[in-house]
Amino acid sequence: MTIDSVFEAASDAAEAARSFMASERGKRVRRQVATVLIVAAPVISELPVIRRHRVARIVRATGMVALVVKGAEWLRDWQPQGLPDL
């Protein structure tokens, strides 16, 4: 197996994954995976094994910063529709 065939196989696999994720079934899978990650992330970050390590605490802190930034971006970009002007 040559390096070119490895890259070609990886490219084909990536294209198949993109096609699947764009399908209706892929949309359901994406929604389910996102839900699991959203629910599991705070639970996992509270485990004593995770909280003991410095790297994990840094990752938790950067995650909180990312959430604040995402919330600020959402607030900045929010366009109220159907509400009366004040």
PDB file of N, CA and C in Angstrom:
ATOM      1  N   MET A   1       0.854  -1.172   0.000  1.00  0.00           N
ATOM      2  CA  MET A   1       0.000   0.000   0.000  1.00  0.00           C
ATOM      3  C   MET A   1       0.900   1.236   0.000  1.00  0.00           C
ATOM      4  N   THR A   2       0.671   2.117  -0.942  1.00  0.00           N
ATOM      5  CA  THR A   2       1.487   3.322  -1.044  1.00  0.00           C
ATOM      6  C   THR A   2       0.831   4.461  -0.273  1.00  0.00           C
ATOM      7  N   ILE A   3       1.604   5.501  -0.077  1.00  0.00           N
ATOM      8  CA  ILE A   3       1.087   6.661   0.644  1.00  0.00           C
ATOM      9  C   ILE A   3      -0.047   7.321  -0.128  1.00  0.00           C
ATOM     10  N   ASP A   4       0.037   7.294  -1.465  1.00  0.00           N
ATOM     11  CA  ASP A   4      -1.031   7.880  -2.282  1.00  0.00           C
ATOM     12  C   ASP A   4      -2.348   7.127  -2.092  1.00  0.00           C
ATOM     13  N   SER A   5      -2.275   5.821  -2.008  1.00  0.00           N
ATOM     14  CA  SER A   5      -3.506   5.054  -1.819  1.00  0.00           C
ATOM     15  C   SER A   5      -4.096   5.289  -0.428  1.00  0.00           C
ATOM     16  N   VAL A   6      -3.229   5.541   0.556  1.00  0.00           N
ATOM     17  CA  VAL A   6      -3.710   5.849   1.908  1.00  0.00           C
ATOM     18  C   VAL A   6      -4.448   7.186   1.903  1.00  0.00           C
ATOM     19  N   PHE A   7      -3.858   8.186   1.257  1.00  0.00           N
ATOM     20  CA  PHE A   7      -4.513   9.489   1.178  1.00  0.00           C
ATOM     21  C   PHE A   7      -5.811   9.412   0.382  1.00  0.00           C
ATOM     22  N   GLU A   8      -5.829   8.630  -0.679  1.00  0.00           N
ATOM     23  CA  GLU A   8      -7.044   8.479  -1.478  1.00  0.00           C
ATOM     24  C   GLU A   8      -8.147   7.795  -0.666  1.00  0.00           C
ATOM     25  N   ALA A   9      -7.787   6.767   0.091  1.00  0.00           N
ATOM     26  CA  ALA A   9      -8.765   6.077   0.934  1.00  0.00           C
ATOM     27  C   ALA A   9      -9.298   7.013   2.022  1.00  0.00           C
ATOM     28  N   ALA A  10      -8.413   7.816   2.611  1.00  0.00           N
ATOM     29  CA  ALA A  10      -8.840   8.775   3.633  1.00  0.00           C
ATOM     30  C   ALA A  10      -9.768   9.825   3.033  1.00  0.00           C
ATOM     31  N   SER A  11      -9.455  10.270   1.830  1.00  0.00           N
ATOM     32  CA  SER A  11     -10.301  11.255   1.151  1.00  0.00           C
ATOM     33  C   SER A  11     -11.680  10.672   0.843  1.00  0.00           C
ATOM     34  N   ASP A  12     -11.697   9.424   0.365  1.00  0.00           N
ATOM     35  CA  ASP A  12     -12.976   8.757   0.082  1.00  0.00           C
ATOM     36  C   ASP A  12     -13.801   8.578   1.349  1.00  0.00           C
ATOM     37  N   ALA A  13     -13.145   8.210   2.446  1.00  0.00           N
ATOM     38  CA  ALA A  13     -13.850   8.027   3.713  1.00  0.00           C
ATOM     39  C   ALA A  13     -14.412   9.354   4.220  1.00  0.00           C
ATOM     40  N   ALA A  14     -13.640  10.429   4.083  1.00  0.00           N
ATOM     41  CA  ALA A  14     -14.113  11.746   4.515  1.00  0.00           C
ATOM     42  C   ALA A  14     -15.309  12.188   3.685  1.00  0.00           C
ATOM     43  N   GLU A  15     -15.271  11.936   2.395  1.00  0.00           N
ATOM     44  CA  GLU A  15     -16.394  12.299   1.516  1.00  0.00           C
ATOM     45  C   GLU A  15     -17.637  11.493   1.868  1.00  0.00           C
ATOM     46  N   ALA A  16     -17.469  10.212   2.153  1.00  0.00           N
ATOM     47  CA  ALA A  16     -18.606   9.376   2.553  1.00  0.00           C
ATOM     48  C   ALA A  16     -19.183   9.867   3.878  1.00  0.00           C
ATOM     49  N   ALA A  17     -18.324  10.251   4.805  1.00  0.00           N
ATOM     50  CA  ALA A  17     -18.794  10.767   6.095  1.00  0.00           C
ATOM     51  C   ALA A  17     -19.563  12.070   5.907  1.00  0.00           C
ATOM     52  N   ARG A  18     -19.057  12.963   5.047  1.00  0.00           N
ATOM     53  CA  ARG A  18     -19.770  14.217   4.768  1.00  0.00           C
ATOM     54  C   ARG A  18     -21.128  13.954   4.151  1.00  0.00           C
ATOM     55  N   SER A  19     -21.183  13.022   3.214  1.00  0.00           N
ATOM     56  CA  SER A  19     -22.454  12.679   2.572  1.00  0.00           C
ATOM     57  C   SER A  19     -23.445  12.117   3.580  1.00  0.00           C
ATOM     58  N   PHE A  20     -22.963  11.240   4.456  1.00  0.00           N
ATOM     59  CA  PHE A  20     -23.833  10.671   5.476  1.00  0.00           C
ATOM     60  C   PHE A  20     -24.344  11.751   6.418  1.00  0.00           C
ATOM     61  N   MET A  21     -23.462  12.619   6.877  1.00  0.00           N
ATOM     62  CA  MET A  21     -23.857  13.656   7.822  1.00  0.00           C
ATOM     63  C   MET A  21     -24.851  14.642   7.209  1.00  0.00           C
ATOM     64  N   ALA A  22     -24.846  14.783   5.900  1.00  0.00           N
ATOM     65  CA  ALA A  22     -25.788  15.683   5.228  1.00  0.00           C
ATOM     66  C   ALA A  22     -27.159  15.023   5.036  1.00  0.00           C
ATOM     67  N   SER A  23     -27.237  13.715   5.192  1.00  0.00           N
ATOM     68  CA  SER A  23     -28.502  13.001   4.990  1.00  0.00           C
ATOM     69  C   SER A  23     -29.422  13.182   6.197  1.00  0.00           C
ATOM     70  N   GLU A  24     -30.666  12.759   6.058  1.00  0.00           N
ATOM     71  CA  GLU A  24     -31.641  12.843   7.146  1.00  0.00           C
ATOM     72  C   GLU A  24     -31.192  12.011   8.341  1.00  0.00           C
ATOM     73  N   ARG A  25     -30.715  10.800   8.068  1.00  0.00           N
ATOM     74  CA  ARG A  25     -30.232   9.939   9.159  1.00  0.00           C
ATOM     75  C   ARG A  25     -29.019  10.566   9.833  1.00  0.00           C
ATOM     76  N   GLY A  26     -28.139  11.156   9.035  1.00  0.00           N
ATOM     77  CA  GLY A  26     -26.969  11.836   9.587  1.00  0.00           C
ATOM     78  C   GLY A  26     -27.364  13.005  10.477  1.00  0.00           C
ATOM     79  N   LYS A  27     -28.405  13.710  10.085  1.00  0.00           N
ATOM     80  CA  LYS A  27     -28.901  14.829  10.891  1.00  0.00           C
ATOM     81  C   LYS A  27     -29.370  14.327  12.257  1.00  0.00           C
ATOM     82  N   ARG A  28     -30.076  13.194  12.279  1.00  0.00           N
ATOM     83  CA  ARG A  28     -30.519  12.607  13.545  1.00  0.00           C
ATOM     84  C   ARG A  28     -29.325  12.193  14.401  1.00  0.00           C
ATOM     85  N   VAL A  29     -28.337  11.580  13.757  1.00  0.00           N
ATOM     86  CA  VAL A  29     -27.133  11.151  14.490  1.00  0.00           C
ATOM     87  C   VAL A  29     -26.411  12.368  15.072  1.00  0.00           C
ATOM     88  N   ARG A  30     -26.273  13.426  14.284  1.00  0.00           N
ATOM     89  CA  ARG A  30     -25.604  14.636  14.775  1.00  0.00           C
ATOM     90  C   ARG A  30     -26.342  15.217  15.976  1.00  0.00           C
ATOM     91  N   ARG A  31     -27.661  15.256  15.896  1.00  0.00           N
ATOM     92  CA  ARG A  31     -28.458  15.799  16.999  1.00  0.00           C
ATOM     93  C   ARG A  31     -28.284  14.944  18.260  1.00  0.00           C
ATOM     94  N   GLN A  32     -28.297  13.625  18.098  1.00  0.00           N
ATOM     95  CA  GLN A  32     -28.150  12.735  19.253  1.00  0.00           C
ATOM     96  C   GLN A  32     -26.761  12.847  19.876  1.00  0.00           C
ATOM     97  N   VAL A  33     -25.738  12.887  19.041  1.00  0.00           N
ATOM     98  CA  VAL A  33     -24.368  13.010  19.549  1.00  0.00           C
ATOM     99  C   VAL A  33     -24.193  14.344  20.272  1.00  0.00           C
ATOM    100  N   ALA A  34     -24.724  15.415  19.696  1.00  0.00           N
ATOM    101  CA  ALA A  34     -24.625  16.729  20.336  1.00  0.00           C
ATOM    102  C   ALA A  34     -25.334  16.729  21.689  1.00  0.00           C
ATOM    103  N   THR A  35     -26.500  16.103  21.762  1.00  0.00           N
ATOM    104  CA  THR A  35     -27.240  16.042  23.023  1.00  0.00           C
ATOM    105  C   THR A  35     -26.441  15.299  24.082  1.00  0.00           C
ATOM    106  N   VAL A  36     -25.869  14.168  23.705  1.00  0.00           N
ATOM    107  CA  VAL A  36     -25.063  13.390  24.654  1.00  0.00           C
ATOM    108  C   VAL A  36     -23.869  14.213  25.131  1.00  0.00           C
ATOM    109  N   LEU A  37     -23.190  14.889  24.232  1.00  0.00           N
ATOM    110  CA  LEU A  37     -22.028  15.688  24.621  1.00  0.00           C
ATOM    111  C   LEU A  37     -22.425  16.844  25.521  1.00  0.00           C
ATOM    112  N   ILE A  38     -23.540  17.502  25.212  1.00  0.00           N
ATOM    113  CA  ILE A  38     -23.991  18.631  26.022  1.00  0.00           C
ATOM    114  C   ILE A  38     -24.337  18.181  27.435  1.00  0.00           C
ATOM    115  N   VAL A  39     -24.978  17.034  27.552  1.00  0.00           N
ATOM    116  CA  VAL A  39     -25.368  16.529  28.870  1.00  0.00           C
ATOM    117  C   VAL A  39     -24.169  15.947  29.617  1.00  0.00           C
ATOM    118  N   ALA A  40     -23.305  15.232  28.930  1.00  0.00           N
ATOM    119  CA  ALA A  40     -22.212  14.514  29.584  1.00  0.00           C
ATOM    120  C   ALA A  40     -21.042  15.411  29.980  1.00  0.00           C
ATOM    121  N   ALA A  41     -20.785  16.462  29.244  1.00  0.00           N
ATOM    122  CA  ALA A  41     -19.601  17.282  29.511  1.00  0.00           C
ATOM    123  C   ALA A  41     -19.561  17.839  30.931  1.00  0.00           C
ATOM    124  N   PRO A  42     -20.635  18.452  31.422  1.00  0.00           N
ATOM    125  CA  PRO A  42     -20.567  18.961  32.803  1.00  0.00           C
ATOM    126  C   PRO A  42     -20.429  17.848  33.837  1.00  0.00           C
ATOM    127  N   VAL A  43     -21.055  16.712  33.593  1.00  0.00           N
ATOM    128  CA  VAL A  43     -20.969  15.591  34.528  1.00  0.00           C
ATOM    129  C   VAL A  43     -19.543  15.055  34.581  1.00  0.00           C
ATOM    130  N   ILE A  44     -18.945  14.862  33.435  1.00  0.00           N
ATOM    131  CA  ILE A  44     -17.570  14.340  33.371  1.00  0.00           C
ATOM    132  C   ILE A  44     -16.591  15.324  33.998  1.00  0.00           C
ATOM    133  N   SER A  45     -16.804  16.621  33.780  1.00  0.00           N
ATOM    134  CA  SER A  45     -15.861  17.605  34.325  1.00  0.00           C
ATOM    135  C   SER A  45     -15.908  17.685  35.845  1.00  0.00           C
ATOM    136  N   GLU A  46     -16.966  17.173  36.450  1.00  0.00           N
ATOM    137  CA  GLU A  46     -17.077  17.184  37.911  1.00  0.00           C
ATOM    138  C   GLU A  46     -16.509  15.935  38.572  1.00  0.00           C
ATOM    139  N   LEU A  47     -16.105  14.948  37.811  1.00  0.00           N
ATOM    140  CA  LEU A  47     -15.537  13.738  38.391  1.00  0.00           C
ATOM    141  C   LEU A  47     -14.249  14.067  39.141  1.00  0.00           C
ATOM    142  N   PRO A  48     -14.061  13.480  40.330  1.00  0.00           N
ATOM    143  CA  PRO A  48     -12.850  13.778  41.111  1.00  0.00           C
ATOM    144  C   PRO A  48     -11.557  13.492  40.350  1.00  0.00           C
ATOM    145  N   VAL A  49     -11.545  12.465  39.556  1.00  0.00           N
ATOM    146  CA  VAL A  49     -10.347  12.134  38.770  1.00  0.00           C
ATOM    147  C   VAL A  49      -9.983  13.289  37.839  1.00  0.00           C
ATOM    148  N   ILE A  50     -10.966  13.900  37.259  1.00  0.00           N
ATOM    149  CA  ILE A  50     -10.733  15.013  36.332  1.00  0.00           C
ATOM    150  C   ILE A  50     -10.354  16.278  37.111  1.00  0.00           C
ATOM    151  N   ARG A  51     -11.044  16.534  38.197  1.00  0.00           N
ATOM    152  CA  ARG A  51     -10.814  17.772  38.953  1.00  0.00           C
ATOM    153  C   ARG A  51      -9.433  17.824  39.603  1.00  0.00           C
ATOM    154  N   ARG A  52      -8.805  16.684  39.808  1.00  0.00           N
ATOM    155  CA  ARG A  52      -7.491  16.639  40.464  1.00  0.00           C
ATOM    156  C   ARG A  52      -6.360  17.129  39.576  1.00  0.00           C
ATOM    157  N   HIS A  53      -6.502  17.016  38.288  1.00  0.00           N
ATOM    158  CA  HIS A  53      -5.390  17.306  37.383  1.00  0.00           C
ATOM    159  C   HIS A  53      -5.410  18.757  36.907  1.00  0.00           C
ATOM    160  N   ARG A  54      -4.225  19.340  36.886  1.00  0.00           N
ATOM    161  CA  ARG A  54      -4.074  20.742  36.491  1.00  0.00           C
ATOM    162  C   ARG A  54      -4.541  20.969  35.059  1.00  0.00           C
ATOM    163  N   VAL A  55      -4.187  20.079  34.148  1.00  0.00           N
ATOM    164  CA  VAL A  55      -4.581  20.238  32.746  1.00  0.00           C
ATOM    165  C   VAL A  55      -6.104  20.222  32.619  1.00  0.00           C
ATOM    166  N   ALA A  56      -6.752  19.334  33.359  1.00  0.00           N
ATOM    167  CA  ALA A  56      -8.215  19.261  33.313  1.00  0.00           C
ATOM    168  C   ALA A  56      -8.842  20.541  33.842  1.00  0.00           C
ATOM    169  N   ARG A  57      -8.257  21.127  34.877  1.00  0.00           N
ATOM    170  CA  ARG A  57      -8.791  22.394  35.397  1.00  0.00           C
ATOM    171  C   ARG A  57      -8.621  23.512  34.384  1.00  0.00           C
ATOM    172  N   ILE A  58      -7.515  23.499  33.668  1.00  0.00           N
ATOM    173  CA  ILE A  58      -7.290  24.508  32.625  1.00  0.00           C
ATOM    174  C   ILE A  58      -8.304  24.320  31.496  1.00  0.00           C
ATOM    175  N   VAL A  59      -8.539  23.076  31.116  1.00  0.00           N
ATOM    176  CA  VAL A  59      -9.526  22.794  30.063  1.00  0.00           C
ATOM    177  C   VAL A  59     -10.914  23.243  30.510  1.00  0.00           C
ATOM    178  N   ARG A  60     -11.273  22.990  31.773  1.00  0.00           N
ATOM    179  CA  ARG A  60     -12.574  23.438  32.296  1.00  0.00           C
ATOM    180  C   ARG A  60     -12.690  24.947  32.226  1.00  0.00           C
ATOM    181  N   ALA A  61     -11.636  25.650  32.617  1.00  0.00           N
ATOM    182  CA  ALA A  61     -11.670  27.114  32.615  1.00  0.00           C
ATOM    183  C   ALA A  61     -11.799  27.652  31.191  1.00  0.00           C
ATOM    184  N   THR A  62     -11.047  27.082  30.263  1.00  0.00           N
ATOM    185  CA  THR A  62     -11.148  27.554  28.876  1.00  0.00           C
ATOM    186  C   THR A  62     -12.509  27.212  28.290  1.00  0.00           C
ATOM    187  N   GLY A  63     -13.086  26.098  28.726  1.00  0.00           N
ATOM    188  CA  GLY A  63     -14.434  25.750  28.284  1.00  0.00           C
ATOM    189  C   GLY A  63     -15.453  26.765  28.766  1.00  0.00           C
ATOM    190  N   MET A  64     -15.316  27.206  29.998  1.00  0.00           N
ATOM    191  CA  MET A  64     -16.234  28.227  30.524  1.00  0.00           C
ATOM    192  C   MET A  64     -16.074  29.539  29.763  1.00  0.00           C
ATOM    193  N   VAL A  65     -14.851  29.893  29.460  1.00  0.00           N
ATOM    194  CA  VAL A  65     -14.611  31.111  28.673  1.00  0.00           C
ATOM    195  C   VAL A  65     -15.269  30.980  27.304  1.00  0.00           C
ATOM    196  N   ALA A  66     -15.138  29.816  26.687  1.00  0.00           N
ATOM    197  CA  ALA A  66     -15.747  29.596  25.373  1.00  0.00           C
ATOM    198  C   ALA A  66     -17.266  29.719  25.456  1.00  0.00           C
ATOM    199  N   LEU A  67     -17.875  29.207  26.535  1.00  0.00           N
ATOM    200  CA  LEU A  67     -19.328  29.339  26.700  1.00  0.00           C
ATOM    201  C   LEU A  67     -19.747  30.792  26.851  1.00  0.00           C
ATOM    202  N   VAL A  68     -18.986  31.559  27.594  1.00  0.00           N
ATOM    203  CA  VAL A  68     -19.310  32.981  27.760  1.00  0.00           C
ATOM    204  C   VAL A  68     -19.198  33.705  26.422  1.00  0.00           C
ATOM    205  N   VAL A  69     -18.157  33.410  25.669  1.00  0.00           N
ATOM    206  CA  VAL A  69     -17.981  34.035  24.359  1.00  0.00           C
ATOM    207  C   VAL A  69     -19.124  33.651  23.424  1.00  0.00           C
ATOM    208  N   LYS A  70     -19.501  32.360  23.398  1.00  0.00           N
ATOM    209  CA  LYS A  70     -20.613  31.916  22.548  1.00  0.00           C
ATOM    210  C   LYS A  70     -21.908  32.620  22.938  1.00  0.00           C
ATOM    211  N   GLY A  71     -22.146  32.737  24.250  1.00  0.00           N
ATOM    212  CA  GLY A  71     -23.342  33.442  24.710  1.00  0.00           C
ATOM    213  C   GLY A  71     -23.330  34.896  24.289  1.00  0.00           C
ATOM    214  N   ALA A  72     -22.189  35.542  24.395  1.00  0.00           N
ATOM    215  CA  ALA A  72     -22.074  36.939  23.981  1.00  0.00           C
ATOM    216  C   ALA A  72     -22.292  37.083  22.474  1.00  0.00           C
ATOM    217  N   GLU A  73     -21.740  36.149  21.682  1.00  0.00           N
ATOM    218  CA  GLU A  73     -21.958  36.181  20.230  1.00  0.00           C
ATOM    219  C   GLU A  73     -23.428  35.982  19.898  1.00  0.00           C
ATOM    220  N   TRP A  74     -24.084  35.044  20.598  1.00  0.00           N
ATOM    221  CA  TRP A  74     -25.513  34.808  20.369  1.00  0.00           C
ATOM    222  C   TRP A  74     -26.306  36.074  20.684  1.00  0.00           C
ATOM    223  N   LEU A  75     -25.997  36.715  21.804  1.00  0.00           N
ATOM    224  CA  LEU A  75     -26.702  37.930  22.197  1.00  0.00           C
ATOM    225  C   LEU A  75     -26.465  39.047  21.190  1.00  0.00           C
ATOM    226  N   ARG A  76     -25.235  39.191  20.731  1.00  0.00           N
ATOM    227  CA  ARG A  76     -24.904  40.219  19.754  1.00  0.00           C
ATOM    228  C   ARG A  76     -25.629  39.999  18.432  1.00  0.00           C
ATOM    229  N   ASP A  77     -25.719  38.750  18.004  1.00  0.00           N
ATOM    230  CA  ASP A  77     -26.276  38.441  16.688  1.00  0.00           C
ATOM    231  C   ASP A  77     -27.778  38.175  16.696  1.00  0.00           C
ATOM    232  N   TRP A  78     -28.412  38.145  17.858  1.00  0.00           N
ATOM    233  CA  TRP A  78     -29.834  37.838  17.964  1.00  0.00           C
ATOM    234  C   TRP A  78     -30.665  38.913  17.292  1.00  0.00           C
ATOM    235  N   GLN A  79     -31.571  38.492  16.446  1.00  0.00           N
ATOM    236  CA  GLN A  79     -32.469  39.404  15.755  1.00  0.00           C
ATOM    237  C   GLN A  79     -33.898  39.118  16.196  1.00  0.00           C
ATOM    238  N   PRO A  80     -34.466  39.956  17.065  1.00  0.00           N
ATOM    239  CA  PRO A  80     -35.830  39.709  17.502  1.00  0.00           C
ATOM    240  C   PRO A  80     -36.800  39.866  16.339  1.00  0.00           C
ATOM    241  N   GLN A  81     -37.714  38.919  16.228  1.00  0.00           N
ATOM    242  CA  GLN A  81     -38.680  38.966  15.150  1.00  0.00           C
ATOM    243  C   GLN A  81     -40.072  38.972  15.745  1.00  0.00           C
ATOM    244  N   GLY A  82     -40.923  39.816  15.204  1.00  0.00           N
ATOM    245  CA  GLY A  82     -42.310  39.854  15.649  1.00  0.00           C
ATOM    246  C   GLY A  82     -42.522  40.609  16.943  1.00  0.00           C
ATOM    247  N   LEU A  83     -41.505  41.296  17.446  1.00  0.00           N
ATOM    248  CA  LEU A  83     -41.657  42.071  18.661  1.00  0.00           C
ATOM    249  C   LEU A  83     -41.850  43.540  18.292  1.00  0.00           C
ATOM    250  N   PRO A  84     -42.680  44.265  19.041  1.00  0.00           N
ATOM    251  CA  PRO A  84     -42.886  45.683  18.730  1.00  0.00           C
ATOM    252  C   PRO A  84     -41.618  46.483  19.038  1.00  0.00           C
ATOM    253  N   ASP A  85     -41.394  47.529  18.255  1.00  0.00           N
ATOM    254  CA  ASP A  85     -40.266  48.415  18.501  1.00  0.00           C
ATOM    255  C   ASP A  85     -40.540  49.244  19.746  1.00  0.00           C
ATOM    256  N   LEU A  86     -39.516  49.463  20.526  1.00  0.00           N
ATOM    257  CA  LEU A  86     -39.678  50.263  21.744  1.00  0.00           C
ATOM    258  C   LEU A  86     -39.359  51.694  21.487  1.00  0.00           C
TER     259      LEU A  86
END
